[in-house]
Amino acid sequence: MLLDGYAIVRREDITEVSNSFESRGFVERALKLRGFIPKAPTRVFPLSSLPLALGEANARFSLVTVHRERSFRDSCWIGQVLRTSNAGFLLREISPSAEFTEQRWYRFSGVTCLEFGGLYEGALAAVAGLQPNPSLQRTRFARR
């Protein structure tokens, strides 16, 4: 049990929110025992539009994960954003072996979730030899 990165979802894709769930007590105790506490990013993410949020995530983290769950329920794509427009973005994809594969264009309208700053993305970036931008603070979760 650990805190693992950030996710951005669109409000219209949220069907239910609950802070009461069966394993809540376990989750809270496990995180506390391991010394993990949530830490907000040091700079605010622009959440008014997906293009702005994606641009900020790409500037602050080596890789981003893109989900398109309406069309591909069990798939995601990870990579670096090379270019954006009002309609979409070009993603330089990275394989599970940390090798860059192809560049593919994605429409913002199909994106259901963006993730970044997670352990898996960090491991892929490290193996691929990607260097984070040293002028930007990479947000991680604090340990007590």
N, C-alpha and C. Protein backbone atom coordinates (compact mmCIF):
# COMPACT_ATOMS: atom_id res chain seq x y z
N MET A 1 0.84 -1.17 0.00
CA MET A 1 0.00 0.00 0.00
C MET A 1 0.89 1.23 0.00
N LEU A 2 0.72 2.06 -1.01
CA LEU A 2 1.48 3.30 -1.10
C LEU A 2 0.74 4.29 -1.97
N LEU A 3 1.14 5.53 -1.87
CA LEU A 3 0.61 6.56 -2.74
C LEU A 3 1.48 6.57 -3.99
N ASP A 4 0.85 6.59 -5.17
CA ASP A 4 1.60 6.36 -6.39
C ASP A 4 1.19 7.32 -7.50
N GLY A 5 1.71 8.54 -7.46
CA GLY A 5 1.51 9.47 -8.56
C GLY A 5 0.19 10.21 -8.50
N TYR A 6 -0.15 10.83 -9.63
CA TYR A 6 -1.32 11.68 -9.73
C TYR A 6 -2.17 11.23 -10.91
N ALA A 7 -3.47 11.52 -10.84
CA ALA A 7 -4.38 11.24 -11.94
C ALA A 7 -5.31 12.44 -12.11
N ILE A 8 -5.60 12.76 -13.36
CA ILE A 8 -6.56 13.82 -13.69
C ILE A 8 -7.66 13.17 -14.51
N VAL A 9 -8.90 13.34 -14.04
CA VAL A 9 -10.06 12.84 -14.77
C VAL A 9 -11.03 14.00 -14.99
N ARG A 10 -11.84 13.87 -16.02
CA ARG A 10 -12.83 14.91 -16.30
C ARG A 10 -14.04 14.72 -15.41
N ARG A 11 -14.61 15.80 -14.96
CA ARG A 11 -15.80 15.71 -14.09
C ARG A 11 -16.91 14.90 -14.74
N GLU A 12 -17.11 15.10 -16.03
CA GLU A 12 -18.21 14.39 -16.70
C GLU A 12 -18.01 12.88 -16.74
N ASP A 13 -16.80 12.41 -16.50
CA ASP A 13 -16.53 10.98 -16.48
C ASP A 13 -16.69 10.37 -15.09
N ILE A 14 -16.92 11.21 -14.09
CA ILE A 14 -17.10 10.71 -12.73
C ILE A 14 -18.58 10.43 -12.52
N THR A 15 -18.90 9.20 -12.17
CA THR A 15 -20.30 8.83 -11.96
C THR A 15 -20.67 8.76 -10.49
N GLU A 16 -19.67 8.58 -9.61
CA GLU A 16 -19.96 8.48 -8.19
C GLU A 16 -18.70 8.81 -7.39
N VAL A 17 -18.89 9.49 -6.27
CA VAL A 17 -17.78 9.80 -5.38
C VAL A 17 -18.18 9.36 -3.98
N SER A 18 -17.28 8.66 -3.33
CA SER A 18 -17.57 8.20 -1.97
C SER A 18 -16.28 8.18 -1.18
N ASN A 19 -16.33 8.69 0.04
CA ASN A 19 -15.16 8.58 0.91
C ASN A 19 -15.36 7.46 1.93
N SER A 20 -16.41 6.70 1.72
CA SER A 20 -16.70 5.57 2.59
C SER A 20 -16.69 4.31 1.73
N PHE A 21 -15.73 3.44 1.99
CA PHE A 21 -15.67 2.18 1.27
C PHE A 21 -15.16 1.11 2.23
N GLU A 22 -15.41 -0.13 1.89
CA GLU A 22 -15.19 -1.24 2.80
C GLU A 22 -13.78 -1.31 3.38
N SER A 23 -12.78 -1.06 2.56
CA SER A 23 -11.39 -1.21 3.03
C SER A 23 -10.75 0.12 3.44
N ARG A 24 -11.54 1.16 3.64
CA ARG A 24 -10.98 2.47 3.98
C ARG A 24 -10.10 2.41 5.22
N GLY A 25 -10.55 1.78 6.27
CA GLY A 25 -9.77 1.68 7.50
C GLY A 25 -8.42 1.02 7.26
N PHE A 26 -8.42 -0.05 6.47
CA PHE A 26 -7.17 -0.73 6.14
C PHE A 26 -6.22 0.20 5.39
N VAL A 27 -6.75 0.87 4.39
CA VAL A 27 -5.92 1.76 3.56
C VAL A 27 -5.31 2.86 4.44
N GLU A 28 -6.12 3.49 5.27
CA GLU A 28 -5.61 4.56 6.12
C GLU A 28 -4.54 4.05 7.10
N ARG A 29 -4.78 2.90 7.71
CA ARG A 29 -3.79 2.36 8.66
C ARG A 29 -2.51 1.95 7.96
N ALA A 30 -2.64 1.31 6.80
CA ALA A 30 -1.45 0.87 6.05
C ALA A 30 -0.59 2.06 5.64
N LEU A 31 -1.22 3.10 5.12
CA LEU A 31 -0.45 4.29 4.73
C LEU A 31 0.21 4.94 5.93
N LYS A 32 -0.51 5.01 7.03
CA LYS A 32 0.05 5.61 8.25
C LYS A 32 1.23 4.78 8.77
N LEU A 33 1.08 3.46 8.79
CA LEU A 33 2.16 2.59 9.26
C LEU A 33 3.41 2.72 8.39
N ARG A 34 3.21 2.91 7.11
CA ARG A 34 4.35 3.04 6.18
C ARG A 34 4.88 4.46 6.13
N GLY A 35 4.23 5.38 6.83
CA GLY A 35 4.72 6.74 6.91
C GLY A 35 4.41 7.60 5.71
N PHE A 36 3.42 7.23 4.91
CA PHE A 36 3.07 8.02 3.73
C PHE A 36 1.96 8.99 4.06
N ILE A 37 2.14 10.23 3.62
CA ILE A 37 1.09 11.23 3.72
C ILE A 37 0.99 11.92 2.36
N PRO A 38 -0.23 12.25 1.93
CA PRO A 38 -0.37 12.94 0.65
C PRO A 38 0.30 14.30 0.69
N LYS A 39 0.89 14.68 -0.42
CA LYS A 39 1.53 15.99 -0.54
C LYS A 39 1.06 16.61 -1.85
N ALA A 40 0.52 17.79 -1.75
CA ALA A 40 0.03 18.49 -2.94
C ALA A 40 1.22 18.95 -3.79
N PRO A 41 1.04 19.04 -5.11
CA PRO A 41 2.11 19.58 -5.95
C PRO A 41 2.51 20.98 -5.49
N THR A 42 3.78 21.31 -5.66
CA THR A 42 4.26 22.61 -5.22
C THR A 42 3.75 23.74 -6.10
N ARG A 43 3.48 23.44 -7.36
CA ARG A 43 2.87 24.42 -8.26
C ARG A 43 1.50 23.89 -8.66
N VAL A 44 0.56 24.77 -8.79
CA VAL A 44 -0.81 24.38 -9.11
C VAL A 44 -0.89 23.89 -10.56
N PHE A 45 -1.61 22.81 -10.77
CA PHE A 45 -1.86 22.32 -12.12
C PHE A 45 -3.07 23.05 -12.68
N PRO A 46 -2.99 23.50 -13.93
CA PRO A 46 -4.15 24.15 -14.55
C PRO A 46 -5.17 23.06 -14.92
N LEU A 47 -6.29 23.04 -14.26
CA LEU A 47 -7.28 22.00 -14.49
C LEU A 47 -8.47 22.48 -15.31
N SER A 48 -8.39 23.69 -15.84
CA SER A 48 -9.50 24.24 -16.61
C SER A 48 -9.64 23.59 -17.98
N SER A 49 -8.55 22.97 -18.48
CA SER A 49 -8.63 22.29 -19.76
C SER A 49 -7.63 21.15 -19.80
N LEU A 50 -7.98 20.12 -20.52
CA LEU A 50 -7.09 18.96 -20.67
C LEU A 50 -5.78 19.33 -21.38
N PRO A 51 -5.80 20.17 -22.42
CA PRO A 51 -4.53 20.56 -23.05
C PRO A 51 -3.57 21.25 -22.08
N LEU A 52 -4.09 22.15 -21.24
CA LEU A 52 -3.22 22.84 -20.28
C LEU A 52 -2.68 21.87 -19.23
N ALA A 53 -3.53 20.99 -18.73
CA ALA A 53 -3.10 20.02 -17.72
C ALA A 53 -2.05 19.07 -18.30
N LEU A 54 -2.26 18.61 -19.52
CA LEU A 54 -1.30 17.72 -20.16
C LEU A 54 0.04 18.42 -20.39
N GLY A 55 -0.01 19.65 -20.83
CA GLY A 55 1.22 20.41 -21.04
C GLY A 55 2.02 20.56 -19.76
N GLU A 56 1.35 20.86 -18.66
CA GLU A 56 2.02 21.02 -17.37
C GLU A 56 2.59 19.69 -16.88
N ALA A 57 1.81 18.62 -16.99
CA ALA A 57 2.30 17.30 -16.57
C ALA A 57 3.52 16.90 -17.40
N ASN A 58 3.47 17.15 -18.70
CA ASN A 58 4.59 16.79 -19.56
C ASN A 58 5.83 17.62 -19.25
N ALA A 59 5.63 18.87 -18.84
CA ALA A 59 6.77 19.73 -18.51
C ALA A 59 7.41 19.33 -17.18
N ARG A 60 6.62 18.78 -16.27
CA ARG A 60 7.12 18.49 -14.93
C ARG A 60 7.55 17.05 -14.72
N PHE A 61 7.10 16.15 -15.57
CA PHE A 61 7.42 14.72 -15.41
C PHE A 61 7.92 14.18 -16.74
N SER A 62 8.80 13.20 -16.67
CA SER A 62 9.41 12.65 -17.88
C SER A 62 8.42 11.95 -18.79
N LEU A 63 7.44 11.27 -18.21
CA LEU A 63 6.46 10.51 -18.98
C LEU A 63 5.06 10.74 -18.43
N VAL A 64 4.07 10.62 -19.31
CA VAL A 64 2.67 10.67 -18.90
C VAL A 64 1.98 9.40 -19.39
N THR A 65 0.93 9.01 -18.68
CA THR A 65 0.12 7.86 -19.06
C THR A 65 -1.25 8.37 -19.50
N VAL A 66 -1.70 7.88 -20.65
CA VAL A 66 -2.97 8.30 -21.24
C VAL A 66 -3.93 7.12 -21.24
N HIS A 67 -5.14 7.36 -20.72
CA HIS A 67 -6.20 6.34 -20.74
C HIS A 67 -7.31 6.80 -21.65
N ARG A 68 -7.87 5.86 -22.41
CA ARG A 68 -9.02 6.12 -23.31
C ARG A 68 -10.04 5.02 -23.05
N GLU A 69 -10.60 5.01 -21.85
CA GLU A 69 -11.39 3.88 -21.37
C GLU A 69 -12.72 3.68 -22.09
N ARG A 70 -13.24 4.70 -22.74
CA ARG A 70 -14.49 4.51 -23.49
C ARG A 70 -14.27 3.60 -24.69
N SER A 71 -13.09 3.66 -25.28
CA SER A 71 -12.78 2.84 -26.46
C SER A 71 -11.90 1.63 -26.13
N PHE A 72 -11.01 1.78 -25.15
CA PHE A 72 -10.05 0.74 -24.80
C PHE A 72 -10.02 0.61 -23.27
N ARG A 73 -10.94 -0.16 -22.74
CA ARG A 73 -11.15 -0.24 -21.29
C ARG A 73 -9.91 -0.68 -20.51
N ASP A 74 -9.16 -1.62 -21.01
CA ASP A 74 -8.04 -2.20 -20.27
C ASP A 74 -6.67 -1.83 -20.83
N SER A 75 -6.58 -0.70 -21.50
CA SER A 75 -5.31 -0.31 -22.12
C SER A 75 -4.93 1.11 -21.71
N CYS A 76 -3.64 1.39 -21.80
CA CYS A 76 -3.15 2.75 -21.60
C CYS A 76 -1.90 2.92 -22.46
N TRP A 77 -1.53 4.17 -22.69
CA TRP A 77 -0.37 4.49 -23.49
C TRP A 77 0.52 5.43 -22.69
N ILE A 78 1.80 5.17 -22.69
CA ILE A 78 2.75 5.95 -21.90
C ILE A 78 3.77 6.56 -22.84
N GLY A 79 4.14 7.81 -22.59
CA GLY A 79 5.15 8.43 -23.44
C GLY A 79 5.36 9.89 -23.10
N GLN A 80 6.05 10.56 -24.03
CA GLN A 80 6.34 11.99 -23.93
C GLN A 80 5.48 12.72 -24.95
N VAL A 81 4.90 13.82 -24.53
CA VAL A 81 4.10 14.63 -25.44
C VAL A 81 5.06 15.49 -26.26
N LEU A 82 4.98 15.35 -27.57
CA LEU A 82 5.87 16.10 -28.46
C LEU A 82 5.23 17.39 -28.96
N ARG A 83 3.90 17.36 -29.15
CA ARG A 83 3.22 18.52 -29.74
C ARG A 83 1.74 18.46 -29.36
N THR A 84 1.14 19.61 -29.17
CA THR A 84 -0.30 19.66 -28.89
C THR A 84 -0.98 20.66 -29.82
N SER A 85 -2.27 20.49 -29.97
CA SER A 85 -3.13 21.45 -30.67
C SER A 85 -4.40 21.56 -29.84
N ASN A 86 -5.36 22.33 -30.30
CA ASN A 86 -6.63 22.42 -29.59
C ASN A 86 -7.37 21.09 -29.58
N ALA A 87 -7.13 20.27 -30.58
CA ALA A 87 -7.88 19.02 -30.72
C ALA A 87 -7.18 17.81 -30.13
N GLY A 88 -5.84 17.82 -30.08
CA GLY A 88 -5.16 16.62 -29.63
C GLY A 88 -3.68 16.83 -29.41
N PHE A 89 -2.96 15.70 -29.36
CA PHE A 89 -1.53 15.75 -29.06
C PHE A 89 -0.81 14.57 -29.70
N LEU A 90 0.48 14.78 -29.94
CA LEU A 90 1.34 13.74 -30.49
C LEU A 90 2.14 13.14 -29.33
N LEU A 91 2.01 11.83 -29.15
CA LEU A 91 2.68 11.12 -28.06
C LEU A 91 3.78 10.23 -28.62
N ARG A 92 4.98 10.43 -28.13
CA ARG A 92 6.11 9.54 -28.44
C ARG A 92 6.02 8.40 -27.43
N GLU A 93 5.53 7.25 -27.88
CA GLU A 93 5.22 6.15 -26.98
C GLU A 93 6.46 5.37 -26.56
N ILE A 94 6.39 4.84 -25.34
CA ILE A 94 7.47 4.03 -24.80
C ILE A 94 6.90 2.66 -24.47
N SER A 95 7.66 1.62 -24.74
CA SER A 95 7.20 0.25 -24.53
C SER A 95 7.43 -0.18 -23.08
N PRO A 96 6.85 -1.31 -22.66
CA PRO A 96 7.13 -1.85 -21.32
C PRO A 96 8.60 -2.21 -21.12
N SER A 97 9.38 -2.25 -22.20
CA SER A 97 10.82 -2.50 -22.12
C SER A 97 11.62 -1.20 -22.07
N ALA A 98 10.93 -0.08 -21.91
CA ALA A 98 11.55 1.25 -21.82
C ALA A 98 12.25 1.65 -23.11
N GLU A 99 11.68 1.25 -24.25
CA GLU A 99 12.21 1.63 -25.56
C GLU A 99 11.14 2.45 -26.28
N PHE A 100 11.54 3.58 -26.86
CA PHE A 100 10.59 4.38 -27.60
C PHE A 100 10.20 3.66 -28.86
N THR A 101 8.92 3.62 -29.16
CA THR A 101 8.41 2.85 -30.29
C THR A 101 7.93 3.77 -31.40
N GLU A 102 6.73 4.26 -31.30
CA GLU A 102 6.18 5.07 -32.37
C GLU A 102 5.62 6.38 -31.84
N GLN A 103 5.27 7.23 -32.77
CA GLN A 103 4.60 8.48 -32.43
C GLN A 103 3.17 8.36 -32.93
N ARG A 104 2.25 8.70 -32.05
CA ARG A 104 0.84 8.55 -32.41
C ARG A 104 0.06 9.78 -31.96
N TRP A 105 -0.91 10.18 -32.80
CA TRP A 105 -1.75 11.33 -32.52
C TRP A 105 -2.99 10.87 -31.76
N TYR A 106 -3.33 11.57 -30.67
CA TYR A 106 -4.51 11.27 -29.87
C TYR A 106 -5.39 12.51 -29.79
N ARG A 107 -6.69 12.31 -29.87
CA ARG A 107 -7.65 13.40 -29.73
C ARG A 107 -7.98 13.57 -28.25
N PHE A 108 -8.05 14.80 -27.79
CA PHE A 108 -8.40 15.07 -26.40
C PHE A 108 -9.78 14.52 -26.06
N SER A 109 -10.67 14.53 -27.03
CA SER A 109 -12.05 14.08 -26.77
C SER A 109 -12.12 12.61 -26.35
N GLY A 110 -11.12 11.82 -26.70
CA GLY A 110 -11.13 10.40 -26.34
C GLY A 110 -10.42 10.08 -25.03
N VAL A 111 -9.72 11.06 -24.46
CA VAL A 111 -8.94 10.83 -23.25
C VAL A 111 -9.86 10.87 -22.03
N THR A 112 -9.80 9.83 -21.19
CA THR A 112 -10.61 9.79 -19.98
C THR A 112 -9.80 10.04 -18.72
N CYS A 113 -8.49 9.83 -18.78
CA CYS A 113 -7.65 10.00 -17.58
C CYS A 113 -6.20 10.22 -18.00
N LEU A 114 -5.52 11.11 -17.29
CA LEU A 114 -4.08 11.30 -17.43
C LEU A 114 -3.45 10.95 -16.10
N GLU A 115 -2.35 10.20 -16.13
CA GLU A 115 -1.61 9.87 -14.92
C GLU A 115 -0.15 10.27 -15.12
N PHE A 116 0.51 10.63 -14.02
CA PHE A 116 1.91 11.03 -14.09
C PHE A 116 2.50 11.00 -12.69
N GLY A 117 3.81 10.92 -12.63
CA GLY A 117 4.50 10.94 -11.34
C GLY A 117 4.45 9.64 -10.59
N GLY A 118 4.01 8.57 -11.23
CA GLY A 118 3.91 7.27 -10.57
C GLY A 118 5.22 6.50 -10.62
N LEU A 119 5.27 5.45 -9.82
CA LEU A 119 6.48 4.62 -9.75
C LEU A 119 6.77 3.93 -11.08
N TYR A 120 5.74 3.45 -11.78
CA TYR A 120 5.97 2.76 -13.05
C TYR A 120 6.51 3.72 -14.10
N GLU A 121 5.90 4.89 -14.22
CA GLU A 121 6.43 5.88 -15.17
C GLU A 121 7.86 6.26 -14.81
N GLY A 122 8.13 6.40 -13.51
CA GLY A 122 9.48 6.73 -13.06
C GLY A 122 10.49 5.66 -13.40
N ALA A 123 10.08 4.39 -13.25
CA ALA A 123 10.98 3.28 -13.58
C ALA A 123 11.25 3.24 -15.08
N LEU A 124 10.23 3.42 -15.90
CA LEU A 124 10.42 3.45 -17.35
C LEU A 124 11.37 4.58 -17.75
N ALA A 125 11.16 5.75 -17.17
CA ALA A 125 12.00 6.91 -17.49
C ALA A 125 13.45 6.66 -17.10
N ALA A 126 13.67 6.08 -15.93
CA ALA A 126 15.04 5.80 -15.47
C ALA A 126 15.75 4.81 -16.38
N VAL A 127 15.05 3.73 -16.74
CA VAL A 127 15.66 2.72 -17.61
C VAL A 127 15.92 3.29 -19.00
N ALA A 128 15.03 4.16 -19.47
CA ALA A 128 15.20 4.78 -20.79
C ALA A 128 16.25 5.88 -20.77
N GLY A 129 16.75 6.23 -19.58
CA GLY A 129 17.78 7.26 -19.48
C GLY A 129 17.25 8.67 -19.59
N LEU A 130 15.97 8.87 -19.30
CA LEU A 130 15.40 10.21 -19.38
C LEU A 130 15.77 10.99 -18.14
N GLN A 131 16.13 12.22 -18.35
CA GLN A 131 16.51 13.09 -17.24
C GLN A 131 15.39 14.08 -16.99
N PRO A 132 14.94 14.19 -15.73
CA PRO A 132 13.92 15.20 -15.45
C PRO A 132 14.51 16.59 -15.57
N ASN A 133 13.65 17.55 -15.80
CA ASN A 133 14.07 18.95 -15.89
C ASN A 133 14.49 19.41 -14.49
N PRO A 134 15.76 19.69 -14.24
CA PRO A 134 16.20 20.05 -12.90
C PRO A 134 15.64 21.36 -12.39
N SER A 135 15.14 22.22 -13.26
CA SER A 135 14.59 23.49 -12.81
C SER A 135 13.17 23.34 -12.27
N LEU A 136 12.58 22.18 -12.51
CA LEU A 136 11.23 21.93 -12.02
C LEU A 136 11.29 20.92 -10.90
N GLN A 137 10.61 21.20 -9.82
CA GLN A 137 10.60 20.27 -8.71
C GLN A 137 9.66 19.13 -9.02
N ARG A 138 10.16 17.92 -8.96
CA ARG A 138 9.33 16.75 -9.19
C ARG A 138 8.63 16.40 -7.88
N THR A 139 7.35 16.46 -7.92
CA THR A 139 6.56 16.24 -6.72
C THR A 139 6.51 14.74 -6.41
N ARG A 140 6.74 14.41 -5.18
CA ARG A 140 6.62 13.05 -4.69
C ARG A 140 5.81 13.10 -3.42
N PHE A 141 5.43 11.97 -2.95
CA PHE A 141 4.71 11.92 -1.70
C PHE A 141 5.70 11.91 -0.56
N ALA A 142 5.40 12.67 0.44
CA ALA A 142 6.31 12.82 1.58
C ALA A 142 6.22 11.63 2.51
N ARG A 143 7.33 11.30 3.12
CA ARG A 143 7.36 10.32 4.19
C ARG A 143 7.64 11.07 5.45
N ARG A 144 7.00 10.67 6.51
CA ARG A 144 7.24 11.32 7.80
C ARG A 144 8.58 10.92 8.35
